[in-house]
């Protein structure tokens, strides 16, 4: 038996890419947690990134982070989607 998975990568136009600064937070209850970014003006984004990036961002919980990424908002909130949608991580760094 063979199983295949496919997904469509969101189009990342320059109009949809921005730099956002905020704090990494972990949401949910173990073992069903996910990470998000909360900005100083109270925007909340769920983070979409590779597994490796998610692991590194989780280690940065509570630190101020700058993320260059694209925004994605679904029509209805999903279980792991915060109120302002998803932030697809292209680049990130810890800032002071």
Protein backbone atom coordinates (compact mmCIF):
# COMPACT_ATOMS: atom_id res chain seq x y z
CA UNK A 1 0.00 0.00 0.00
CA UNK A 2 1.39 3.39 -0.97
CA UNK A 3 0.35 6.66 0.61
CA UNK A 4 1.04 10.04 -0.97
CA UNK A 5 0.64 13.50 0.51
CA UNK A 6 0.38 16.71 -1.42
CA UNK A 7 -0.13 20.30 -0.47
CA UNK A 8 -0.06 23.58 -2.25
CA UNK A 9 2.50 26.09 -1.10
CA UNK A 10 0.96 29.53 -0.67
CA UNK A 11 2.01 32.10 -3.21
CA UNK A 12 4.44 34.48 -1.58
CA UNK A 13 4.16 37.74 -3.44
CA UNK A 14 6.17 40.75 -2.26
CA UNK A 15 2.85 42.42 -1.33
CA UNK A 16 2.22 39.69 1.23
CA UNK A 17 5.69 39.68 2.84
CA UNK A 18 6.49 41.82 5.86
CA UNK A 19 8.71 41.93 8.93
CA UNK A 20 6.97 41.43 12.27
CA UNK A 21 8.47 41.72 15.75
CA UNK A 22 7.01 40.04 18.80
CA UNK A 23 7.38 37.30 21.37
CA UNK A 24 7.23 33.54 20.80
CA UNK A 25 4.56 31.84 22.90
CA UNK A 26 3.40 28.24 23.18
CA UNK A 27 -0.35 27.67 22.96
CA UNK A 28 -2.51 24.64 23.71
CA UNK A 29 -2.04 21.73 26.09
CA UNK A 30 0.49 18.91 25.89
CA UNK A 31 0.77 16.94 23.72
CA UNK A 32 -1.19 19.23 21.38
CA UNK A 33 0.77 22.45 21.51
CA UNK A 34 1.68 24.92 18.78
CA UNK A 35 3.71 28.08 18.70
CA UNK A 36 2.69 31.58 17.82
CA UNK A 37 3.95 35.11 17.79
CA UNK A 38 2.35 37.89 19.82
CA UNK A 39 3.25 41.44 18.82
CA UNK A 40 3.41 44.44 21.12
CA UNK A 41 0.17 45.74 19.57
CA UNK A 42 -1.55 42.45 20.55
CA UNK A 43 -1.67 40.78 17.13
CA UNK A 44 -1.41 37.00 17.39
CA UNK A 45 -0.18 34.78 14.57
CA UNK A 46 0.22 31.02 14.45
CA UNK A 47 3.61 30.10 13.03
CA UNK A 48 4.05 27.98 9.90
CA UNK A 49 7.60 26.80 9.25
CA UNK A 50 9.71 23.70 8.72
CA UNK A 51 10.01 21.31 11.64
CA UNK A 52 13.61 22.43 12.19
CA UNK A 53 12.62 26.11 12.39
CA UNK A 54 9.70 25.31 14.72
CA UNK A 55 12.09 23.49 17.08
CA UNK A 56 14.46 26.47 17.15
CA UNK A 57 11.62 28.98 17.62
CA UNK A 58 10.20 26.92 20.48
CA UNK A 59 13.61 27.22 22.20
CA UNK A 60 13.27 31.00 21.82
CA UNK A 61 10.01 31.09 23.79
CA UNK A 62 9.66 34.39 25.65
CA UNK A 63 12.37 36.11 23.62
CA UNK A 64 11.79 39.02 21.28
CA UNK A 65 11.91 37.74 17.71
CA UNK A 66 11.88 39.42 14.31
CA UNK A 67 10.29 37.35 11.56
CA UNK A 68 10.27 38.06 7.86
CA UNK A 69 7.30 36.20 6.51
CA UNK A 70 4.06 36.03 4.62
CA UNK A 71 0.59 36.24 6.10
CA UNK A 72 -2.17 33.71 5.52
CA UNK A 73 -5.68 33.83 6.92
CA UNK A 74 -8.26 31.10 6.42
CA UNK A 75 -11.94 31.81 6.06
CA UNK A 76 -12.71 30.11 9.38
CA UNK A 77 -10.48 29.75 12.40
CA UNK A 78 -8.98 26.30 12.64
CA UNK A 79 -8.00 24.66 15.91
CA UNK A 80 -4.38 25.88 15.75
CA UNK A 81 -5.02 29.25 14.11
CA UNK A 82 -4.71 32.35 16.25
CA UNK A 83 -6.98 35.37 15.72
CA UNK A 84 -4.80 37.16 13.14
CA UNK A 85 -4.03 34.09 11.02
CA UNK A 86 -0.78 32.39 10.13
CA UNK A 87 2.70 33.79 9.66
CA UNK A 88 4.78 31.72 7.23
CA UNK A 89 8.41 32.09 8.32
CA UNK A 90 10.96 32.94 5.64
CA UNK A 91 13.68 34.28 7.95
CA UNK A 92 13.92 35.01 11.67
CA UNK A 93 16.30 36.29 14.31
CA UNK A 94 16.37 37.14 18.01
CA UNK A 95 16.42 40.91 18.63
CA UNK A 96 17.20 42.96 21.72
